[in-house]
């Protein structure tokens, strides 16, 4: 009777938030079981990894692209300045 009364108090007077904790206590069993329902507020709900990875992917691709443009420009500049002394020319 006491366990049933405690379980009614705990589950009935919960805050009703999305992160409420229910204590399931049976009058027959001698153990209690904690059930967490809802979404934890610490992580902001659902995490969408794709939206997080897109900006970093754009930064990496932009860096590689700009580096390639700078290398091409430096190669052309060196080719025009001294075409016979360039070891990288075919």
PDB file of N, CA and C in Angstrom:
ATOM      1  N   UNK A   1       0.826  -1.193   0.000  1.00  0.00           N
ATOM      2  CA  UNK A   1       0.000   0.000   0.000  1.00  0.00           C
ATOM      3  C   UNK A   1       0.875   1.264   0.000  1.00  0.00           C
ATOM      4  N   UNK A   2       1.941   1.232   0.756  1.00  0.00           N
ATOM      5  CA  UNK A   2       2.826   2.387   0.831  1.00  0.00           C
ATOM      6  C   UNK A   2       3.511   2.636  -0.504  1.00  0.00           C
ATOM      7  N   UNK A   3       3.971   1.551  -1.181  1.00  0.00           N
ATOM      8  CA  UNK A   3       4.617   1.712  -2.483  1.00  0.00           C
ATOM      9  C   UNK A   3       3.655   2.285  -3.509  1.00  0.00           C
ATOM     10  N   UNK A   4       2.424   1.836  -3.481  1.00  0.00           N
ATOM     11  CA  UNK A   4       1.426   2.334  -4.429  1.00  0.00           C
ATOM     12  C   UNK A   4       1.160   3.811  -4.175  1.00  0.00           C
ATOM     13  N   UNK A   5       1.089   4.199  -2.933  1.00  0.00           N
ATOM     14  CA  UNK A   5       0.866   5.599  -2.585  1.00  0.00           C
ATOM     15  C   UNK A   5       2.033   6.474  -3.058  1.00  0.00           C
ATOM     16  N   UNK A   6       3.253   6.002  -2.853  1.00  0.00           N
ATOM     17  CA  UNK A   6       4.433   6.761  -3.281  1.00  0.00           C
ATOM     18  C   UNK A   6       4.473   6.876  -4.797  1.00  0.00           C
ATOM     19  N   UNK A   7       4.176   5.785  -5.505  1.00  0.00           N
ATOM     20  CA  UNK A   7       4.210   5.846  -6.968  1.00  0.00           C
ATOM     21  C   UNK A   7       3.128   6.771  -7.502  1.00  0.00           C
ATOM     22  N   UNK A   8       1.971   6.823  -6.854  1.00  0.00           N
ATOM     23  CA  UNK A   8       0.914   7.748  -7.294  1.00  0.00           C
ATOM     24  C   UNK A   8       1.344   9.190  -7.068  1.00  0.00           C
ATOM     25  N   UNK A   9       2.016   9.458  -5.978  1.00  0.00           N
ATOM     26  CA  UNK A   9       2.469  10.821  -5.696  1.00  0.00           C
ATOM     27  C   UNK A   9       3.527  11.250  -6.707  1.00  0.00           C
ATOM     28  N   UNK A  10       4.500  10.385  -6.956  1.00  0.00           N
ATOM     29  CA  UNK A  10       5.606  10.745  -7.837  1.00  0.00           C
ATOM     30  C   UNK A  10       5.138  10.900  -9.272  1.00  0.00           C
ATOM     31  N   UNK A  11       4.349   9.962  -9.784  1.00  0.00           N
ATOM     32  CA  UNK A  11       3.928  10.038 -11.184  1.00  0.00           C
ATOM     33  C   UNK A  11       2.776  11.006 -11.380  1.00  0.00           C
ATOM     34  N   UNK A  12       1.969  11.213 -10.410  1.00  0.00           N
ATOM     35  CA  UNK A  12       0.813  12.094 -10.576  1.00  0.00           C
ATOM     36  C   UNK A  12       1.152  13.560 -10.466  1.00  0.00           C
ATOM     37  N   UNK A  13       2.126  13.898  -9.654  1.00  0.00           N
ATOM     38  CA  UNK A  13       2.446  15.315  -9.460  1.00  0.00           C
ATOM     39  C   UNK A  13       3.701  15.719 -10.204  1.00  0.00           C
ATOM     40  N   UNK A  14       3.999  15.045 -11.319  1.00  0.00           N
ATOM     41  CA  UNK A  14       5.172  15.402 -12.118  1.00  0.00           C
ATOM     42  C   UNK A  14       4.977  16.752 -12.770  1.00  0.00           C
ATOM     43  N   UNK A  15       6.045  17.346 -13.189  1.00  0.00           N
ATOM     44  CA  UNK A  15       5.966  18.669 -13.799  1.00  0.00           C
ATOM     45  C   UNK A  15       5.338  18.623 -15.182  1.00  0.00           C
ATOM     46  N   UNK A  16       5.354  17.462 -15.805  1.00  0.00           N
ATOM     47  CA  UNK A  16       4.747  17.342 -17.118  1.00  0.00           C
ATOM     48  C   UNK A  16       5.611  17.862 -18.241  1.00  0.00           C
ATOM     49  N   UNK A  17       6.870  18.171 -17.948  1.00  0.00           N
ATOM     50  CA  UNK A  17       7.779  18.660 -18.980  1.00  0.00           C
ATOM     51  C   UNK A  17       8.220  17.528 -19.887  1.00  0.00           C
ATOM     52  N   UNK A  18       8.978  17.886 -20.888  1.00  0.00           N
ATOM     53  CA  UNK A  18       9.421  16.872 -21.841  1.00  0.00           C
ATOM     54  C   UNK A  18      10.535  16.008 -21.266  1.00  0.00           C
ATOM     55  N   UNK A  19      11.101  16.405 -20.149  1.00  0.00           N
ATOM     56  CA  UNK A  19      12.207  15.647 -19.566  1.00  0.00           C
ATOM     57  C   UNK A  19      11.840  15.170 -18.168  1.00  0.00           C
ATOM     58  N   UNK A  20      10.607  14.739 -17.992  1.00  0.00           N
ATOM     59  CA  UNK A  20      10.164  14.321 -16.676  1.00  0.00           C
ATOM     60  C   UNK A  20      10.673  12.915 -16.377  1.00  0.00           C
ATOM     61  N   UNK A  21      10.804  12.626 -15.115  1.00  0.00           N
ATOM     62  CA  UNK A  21      11.284  11.322 -14.666  1.00  0.00           C
ATOM     63  C   UNK A  21      10.155  10.654 -13.916  1.00  0.00           C
ATOM     64  N   UNK A  22       9.849   9.427 -14.287  1.00  0.00           N
ATOM     65  CA  UNK A  22       8.801   8.675 -13.608  1.00  0.00           C
ATOM     66  C   UNK A  22       9.442   7.553 -12.824  1.00  0.00           C
ATOM     67  N   UNK A  23       8.964   7.343 -11.633  1.00  0.00           N
ATOM     68  CA  UNK A  23       9.425   6.240 -10.813  1.00  0.00           C
ATOM     69  C   UNK A  23       8.344   5.171 -10.840  1.00  0.00           C
ATOM     70  N   UNK A  24       8.662   4.043 -11.437  1.00  0.00           N
ATOM     71  CA  UNK A  24       7.715   2.938 -11.511  1.00  0.00           C
ATOM     72  C   UNK A  24       7.997   2.002 -10.344  1.00  0.00           C
ATOM     73  N   UNK A  25       7.132   2.024  -9.347  1.00  0.00           N
ATOM     74  CA  UNK A  25       7.337   1.187  -8.174  1.00  0.00           C
ATOM     75  C   UNK A  25       6.162   0.228  -8.075  1.00  0.00           C
ATOM     76  N   UNK A  26       6.446  -1.036  -8.055  1.00  0.00           N
ATOM     77  CA  UNK A  26       5.410  -2.055  -7.961  1.00  0.00           C
ATOM     78  C   UNK A  26       5.235  -2.450  -6.501  1.00  0.00           C
ATOM     79  N   UNK A  27       4.007  -2.789  -6.126  1.00  0.00           N
ATOM     80  CA  UNK A  27       3.768  -3.200  -4.744  1.00  0.00           C
ATOM     81  C   UNK A  27       4.264  -4.620  -4.498  1.00  0.00           C
ATOM     82  N   UNK A  28       4.489  -5.379  -5.567  1.00  0.00           N
ATOM     83  CA  UNK A  28       4.963  -6.750  -5.420  1.00  0.00           C
ATOM     84  C   UNK A  28       6.492  -6.788  -5.414  1.00  0.00           C
ATOM     85  N   UNK A  29       7.102  -6.037  -6.295  1.00  0.00           N
ATOM     86  CA  UNK A  29       8.555  -6.072  -6.428  1.00  0.00           C
ATOM     87  C   UNK A  29       9.212  -5.204  -5.369  1.00  0.00           C
ATOM     88  N   UNK A  30      10.485  -5.473  -5.118  1.00  0.00           N
ATOM     89  CA  UNK A  30      11.211  -4.723  -4.105  1.00  0.00           C
ATOM     90  C   UNK A  30      12.208  -3.757  -4.725  1.00  0.00           C
ATOM     91  N   UNK A  31      12.136  -3.529  -6.026  1.00  0.00           N
ATOM     92  CA  UNK A  31      13.064  -2.623  -6.693  1.00  0.00           C
ATOM     93  C   UNK A  31      12.284  -1.502  -7.362  1.00  0.00           C
ATOM     94  N   UNK A  32      12.971  -0.425  -7.622  1.00  0.00           N
ATOM     95  CA  UNK A  32      12.356   0.688  -8.341  1.00  0.00           C
ATOM     96  C   UNK A  32      13.057   0.843  -9.681  1.00  0.00           C
ATOM     97  N   UNK A  33      12.360   1.394 -10.633  1.00  0.00           N
ATOM     98  CA  UNK A  33      12.851   1.520 -12.004  1.00  0.00           C
ATOM     99  C   UNK A  33      12.600   2.954 -12.453  1.00  0.00           C
ATOM    100  N   UNK A  34      13.640   3.633 -12.907  1.00  0.00           N
ATOM    101  CA  UNK A  34      13.519   5.020 -13.352  1.00  0.00           C
ATOM    102  C   UNK A  34      13.377   5.029 -14.862  1.00  0.00           C
ATOM    103  N   UNK A  35      12.337   5.694 -15.346  1.00  0.00           N
ATOM    104  CA  UNK A  35      12.091   5.792 -16.783  1.00  0.00           C
ATOM    105  C   UNK A  35      12.186   7.251 -17.171  1.00  0.00           C
ATOM    106  N   UNK A  36      13.120   7.569 -18.063  1.00  0.00           N
ATOM    107  CA  UNK A  36      13.249   8.944 -18.541  1.00  0.00           C
ATOM    108  C   UNK A  36      12.471   9.079 -19.831  1.00  0.00           C
ATOM    109  N   UNK A  37      11.626  10.079 -19.881  1.00  0.00           N
ATOM    110  CA  UNK A  37      10.839  10.309 -21.089  1.00  0.00           C
ATOM    111  C   UNK A  37      11.178  11.677 -21.643  1.00  0.00           C
ATOM    112  N   UNK A  38      10.999  11.836 -22.926  1.00  0.00           N
ATOM    113  CA  UNK A  38      11.215  13.139 -23.536  1.00  0.00           C
ATOM    114  C   UNK A  38      12.625  13.310 -24.045  1.00  0.00           C
ATOM    115  N   UNK A  39      12.918  14.528 -24.418  1.00  0.00           N
ATOM    116  CA  UNK A  39      14.199  14.873 -25.017  1.00  0.00           C
ATOM    117  C   UNK A  39      14.998  15.672 -24.006  1.00  0.00           C
ATOM    118  N   UNK A  40      16.252  15.312 -23.753  1.00  0.00           N
ATOM    119  CA  UNK A  40      17.047  16.111 -22.816  1.00  0.00           C
ATOM    120  C   UNK A  40      17.290  17.510 -23.364  1.00  0.00           C
ATOM    121  N   UNK A  41      17.145  18.492 -22.501  1.00  0.00           N
ATOM    122  CA  UNK A  41      17.280  19.886 -22.933  1.00  0.00           C
ATOM    123  C   UNK A  41      18.732  20.321 -23.066  1.00  0.00           C
ATOM    124  N   UNK A  42      19.654  19.564 -22.504  1.00  0.00           N
ATOM    125  CA  UNK A  42      21.067  19.956 -22.544  1.00  0.00           C
ATOM    126  C   UNK A  42      21.626  19.907 -23.951  1.00  0.00           C
ATOM    127  N   UNK A  43      21.146  18.991 -24.786  1.00  0.00           N
ATOM    128  CA  UNK A  43      21.671  18.851 -26.140  1.00  0.00           C
ATOM    129  C   UNK A  43      20.801  19.552 -27.173  1.00  0.00           C
ATOM    130  N   UNK A  44      19.759  20.223 -26.774  1.00  0.00           N
ATOM    131  CA  UNK A  44      18.923  20.944 -27.721  1.00  0.00           C
ATOM    132  C   UNK A  44      18.041  20.047 -28.557  1.00  0.00           C
ATOM    133  N   UNK A  45      17.660  18.916 -28.053  1.00  0.00           N
ATOM    134  CA  UNK A  45      16.774  18.038 -28.807  1.00  0.00           C
ATOM    135  C   UNK A  45      17.526  17.225 -29.836  1.00  0.00           C
ATOM    136  N   UNK A  46      16.943  17.110 -31.008  1.00  0.00           N
ATOM    137  CA  UNK A  46      17.550  16.321 -32.090  1.00  0.00           C
ATOM    138  C   UNK A  46      18.776  17.008 -32.643  1.00  0.00           C
ATOM    139  N   UNK A  47      19.825  16.236 -32.845  1.00  0.00           N
ATOM    140  CA  UNK A  47      21.024  16.805 -33.461  1.00  0.00           C
ATOM    141  C   UNK A  47      21.039  16.394 -34.915  1.00  0.00           C
ATOM    142  N   UNK A  48      21.236  17.348 -35.786  1.00  0.00           N
ATOM    143  CA  UNK A  48      21.311  17.048 -37.201  1.00  0.00           C
ATOM    144  C   UNK A  48      22.757  17.210 -37.629  1.00  0.00           C
ATOM    145  N   UNK A  49      23.464  16.092 -37.757  1.00  0.00           N
ATOM    146  CA  UNK A  49      24.894  16.137 -38.042  1.00  0.00           C
ATOM    147  C   UNK A  49      25.188  16.718 -39.414  1.00  0.00           C
ATOM    148  N   UNK A  50      24.285  16.532 -40.366  1.00  0.00           N
ATOM    149  CA  UNK A  50      24.513  17.064 -41.710  1.00  0.00           C
ATOM    150  C   UNK A  50      24.613  18.575 -41.714  1.00  0.00           C
ATOM    151  N   UNK A  51      23.745  19.223 -40.972  1.00  0.00           N
ATOM    152  CA  UNK A  51      23.781  20.686 -40.917  1.00  0.00           C
ATOM    153  C   UNK A  51      25.010  21.194 -40.179  1.00  0.00           C
ATOM    154  N   UNK A  52      25.543  20.393 -39.288  1.00  0.00           N
ATOM    155  CA  UNK A  52      26.748  20.795 -38.570  1.00  0.00           C
ATOM    156  C   UNK A  52      27.977  20.608 -39.448  1.00  0.00           C
ATOM    157  N   UNK A  53      27.995  19.568 -40.275  1.00  0.00           N
ATOM    158  CA  UNK A  53      29.174  19.259 -41.076  1.00  0.00           C
ATOM    159  C   UNK A  53      29.285  20.119 -42.325  1.00  0.00           C
ATOM    160  N   UNK A  54      28.184  20.655 -42.826  1.00  0.00           N
ATOM    161  CA  UNK A  54      28.213  21.428 -44.081  1.00  0.00           C
ATOM    162  C   UNK A  54      29.147  22.639 -44.010  1.00  0.00           C
ATOM    163  N   UNK A  55      29.097  23.492 -42.979  1.00  0.00           N
ATOM    164  CA  UNK A  55      30.018  24.637 -42.963  1.00  0.00           C
ATOM    165  C   UNK A  55      31.487  24.232 -42.954  1.00  0.00           C
ATOM    166  N   UNK A  56      31.836  23.180 -42.219  1.00  0.00           N
ATOM    167  CA  UNK A  56      33.229  22.738 -42.186  1.00  0.00           C
ATOM    168  C   UNK A  56      33.658  22.178 -43.533  1.00  0.00           C
ATOM    169  N   UNK A  57      32.759  21.479 -44.201  1.00  0.00           N
ATOM    170  CA  UNK A  57      33.063  20.960 -45.530  1.00  0.00           C
ATOM    171  C   UNK A  57      33.287  22.101 -46.512  1.00  0.00           C
ATOM    172  N   UNK A  58      32.469  23.148 -46.414  1.00  0.00           N
ATOM    173  CA  UNK A  58      32.649  24.307 -47.292  1.00  0.00           C
ATOM    174  C   UNK A  58      33.975  25.016 -47.016  1.00  0.00           C
ATOM    175  N   UNK A  59      34.365  25.102 -45.759  1.00  0.00           N
ATOM    176  CA  UNK A  59      35.645  25.738 -45.415  1.00  0.00           C
ATOM    177  C   UNK A  59      36.807  24.941 -46.004  1.00  0.00           C
ATOM    178  N   UNK A  60      36.753  23.617 -45.876  1.00  0.00           N
ATOM    179  CA  UNK A  60      37.836  22.776 -46.406  1.00  0.00           C
ATOM    180  C   UNK A  60      37.895  22.878 -47.923  1.00  0.00           C
ATOM    181  N   UNK A  61      36.748  22.767 -48.587  1.00  0.00           N
ATOM    182  CA  UNK A  61      36.736  22.845 -50.049  1.00  0.00           C
ATOM    183  C   UNK A  61      37.172  24.221 -50.543  1.00  0.00           C
ATOM    184  N   UNK A  62      36.764  25.280 -49.853  1.00  0.00           N
ATOM    185  CA  UNK A  62      37.196  26.623 -50.232  1.00  0.00           C
ATOM    186  C   UNK A  62      38.688  26.813 -50.066  1.00  0.00           C
ATOM    187  N   UNK A  63      39.238  26.270 -48.995  1.00  0.00           N
ATOM    188  CA  UNK A  63      40.683  26.374 -48.770  1.00  0.00           C
ATOM    189  C   UNK A  63      41.464  25.632 -49.852  1.00  0.00           C
ATOM    190  N   UNK A  64      41.006  24.435 -50.189  1.00  0.00           N
ATOM    191  CA  UNK A  64      41.681  23.660 -51.238  1.00  0.00           C
ATOM    192  C   UNK A  64      41.559  24.370 -52.582  1.00  0.00           C
ATOM    193  N   UNK A  65      40.389  24.929 -52.867  1.00  0.00           N
ATOM    194  CA  UNK A  65      40.193  25.641 -54.131  1.00  0.00           C
ATOM    195  C   UNK A  65      41.069  26.871 -54.254  1.00  0.00           C
ATOM    196  N   UNK A  66      41.125  27.669 -53.192  1.00  0.00           N
ATOM    197  CA  UNK A  66      41.972  28.871 -53.228  1.00  0.00           C
ATOM    198  C   UNK A  66      43.456  28.505 -53.304  1.00  0.00           C
ATOM    199  N   UNK A  67      43.847  27.451 -52.623  1.00  0.00           N
ATOM    200  CA  UNK A  67      45.237  27.002 -52.711  1.00  0.00           C
ATOM    201  C   UNK A  67      45.588  26.548 -54.114  1.00  0.00           C
ATOM    202  N   UNK A  68      44.659  25.865 -54.764  1.00  0.00           N
ATOM    203  CA  UNK A  68      44.886  25.440 -56.142  1.00  0.00           C
ATOM    204  C   UNK A  68      44.996  26.615 -57.093  1.00  0.00           C
ATOM    205  N   UNK A  69      44.154  27.626 -56.894  1.00  0.00           N
ATOM    206  CA  UNK A  69      44.235  28.827 -57.741  1.00  0.00           C
ATOM    207  C   UNK A  69      45.563  29.553 -57.546  1.00  0.00           C
ATOM    208  N   UNK A  70      45.999  29.671 -56.310  1.00  0.00           N
ATOM    209  CA  UNK A  70      47.284  30.330 -56.046  1.00  0.00           C
ATOM    210  C   UNK A  70      48.447  29.544 -56.647  1.00  0.00           C
ATOM    211  N   UNK A  71      48.405  28.228 -56.569  1.00  0.00           N
ATOM    212  CA  UNK A  71      49.476  27.411 -57.147  1.00  0.00           C
ATOM    213  C   UNK A  71      49.492  27.537 -58.668  1.00  0.00           C
ATOM    214  N   UNK A  72      48.320  27.550 -59.280  1.00  0.00           N
ATOM    215  CA  UNK A  72      48.248  27.699 -60.740  1.00  0.00           C
ATOM    216  C   UNK A  72      48.775  29.058 -61.175  1.00  0.00           C
ATOM    217  N   UNK A  73      48.414  30.087 -60.441  1.00  0.00           N
ATOM    218  CA  UNK A  73      48.876  31.439 -60.781  1.00  0.00           C
ATOM    219  C   UNK A  73      50.395  31.559 -60.622  1.00  0.00           C
ATOM    220  N   UNK A  74      50.934  30.983 -59.544  1.00  0.00           N
ATOM    221  CA  UNK A  74      52.384  31.027 -59.340  1.00  0.00           C
ATOM    222  C   UNK A  74      53.110  30.231 -60.423  1.00  0.00           C
ATOM    223  N   UNK A  75      52.543  29.117 -60.840  1.00  0.00           N
ATOM    224  CA  UNK A  75      53.151  28.303 -61.896  1.00  0.00           C
ATOM    225  C   UNK A  75      53.187  29.066 -63.216  1.00  0.00           C
ATOM    226  N   UNK A  76      52.069  29.718 -63.557  1.00  0.00           N
ATOM    227  CA  UNK A  76      52.031  30.498 -64.809  1.00  0.00           C
ATOM    228  C   UNK A  76      52.998  31.680 -64.766  1.00  0.00           C
ATOM    229  N   UNK A  77      53.076  32.324 -63.601  1.00  0.00           N
ATOM    230  CA  UNK A  77      53.977  33.471 -63.462  1.00  0.00           C
ATOM    231  C   UNK A  77      55.433  33.029 -63.640  1.00  0.00           C
ATOM    232  N   UNK A  78      55.799  31.909 -63.059  1.00  0.00           N
ATOM    233  CA  UNK A  78      57.163  31.398 -63.177  1.00  0.00           C
ATOM    234  C   UNK A  78      57.434  30.922 -64.605  1.00  0.00           C
ATOM    235  N   UNK A  79      56.437  30.372 -65.243  1.00  0.00           N
ATOM    236  CA  UNK A  79      56.591  29.902 -66.620  1.00  0.00           C
ATOM    237  C   UNK A  79      56.854  31.066 -67.571  1.00  0.00           C
ATOM    238  N   UNK A  80      56.164  32.188 -67.340  1.00  0.00           N
ATOM    239  CA  UNK A  80      56.369  33.372 -68.182  1.00  0.00           C
ATOM    240  C   UNK A  80      57.722  34.023 -67.905  1.00  0.00           C
ATOM    241  N   UNK A  81      58.152  34.012 -66.655  1.00  0.00           N
ATOM    242  CA  UNK A  81      59.395  34.693 -66.297  1.00  0.00           C
ATOM    243  C   UNK A  81      60.619  33.942 -66.822  1.00  0.00           C
ATOM    244  N   UNK A  82      60.666  32.675 -66.664  1.00  0.00           N
ATOM    245  CA  UNK A  82      61.854  31.896 -67.020  1.00  0.00           C
ATOM    246  C   UNK A  82      61.422  30.521 -67.518  1.00  0.00           C
ATOM    247  N   UNK A  83      61.009  30.373 -68.749  1.00  0.00           N
ATOM    248  CA  UNK A  83      60.482  29.084 -69.198  1.00  0.00           C
ATOM    249  C   UNK A  83      61.531  27.983 -69.300  1.00  0.00           C
ATOM    250  N   UNK A  84      62.786  28.312 -69.562  1.00  0.00           N
ATOM    251  CA  UNK A  84      63.789  27.256 -69.750  1.00  0.00           C
ATOM    252  C   UNK A  84      64.356  26.742 -68.433  1.00  0.00           C
ATOM    253  N   UNK A  85      64.254  27.520 -67.350  1.00  0.00           N
ATOM    254  CA  UNK A  85      64.856  27.122 -66.074  1.00  0.00           C
ATOM    255  C   UNK A  85      63.848  26.493 -65.111  1.00  0.00           C
ATOM    256  N   UNK A  86      62.660  26.241 -65.565  1.00  0.00           N
ATOM    257  CA  UNK A  86      61.624  25.694 -64.688  1.00  0.00           C
ATOM    258  C   UNK A  86      61.664  24.167 -64.746  1.00  0.00           C
ATOM    259  N   UNK A  87      62.025  23.502 -63.660  1.00  0.00           N
ATOM    260  CA  UNK A  87      62.107  22.035 -63.684  1.00  0.00           C
ATOM    261  C   UNK A  87      60.734  21.360 -63.712  1.00  0.00           C
ATOM    262  N   UNK A  88      59.665  22.103 -63.430  1.00  0.00           N
ATOM    263  CA  UNK A  88      58.337  21.502 -63.381  1.00  0.00           C
ATOM    264  C   UNK A  88      57.640  21.499 -64.734  1.00  0.00           C
ATOM    265  N   UNK A  89      58.209  22.179 -65.710  1.00  0.00           N
ATOM    266  CA  UNK A  89      57.591  22.220 -67.032  1.00  0.00           C
ATOM    267  C   UNK A  89      57.880  20.928 -67.786  1.00  0.00           C
ATOM    268  N   UNK A  90      56.963  20.500 -68.630  1.00  0.00           N
ATOM    269  CA  UNK A  90      57.195  19.269 -69.398  1.00  0.00           C
ATOM    270  C   UNK A  90      58.210  19.466 -70.500  1.00  0.00           C
TER     271      UNK A  90
END
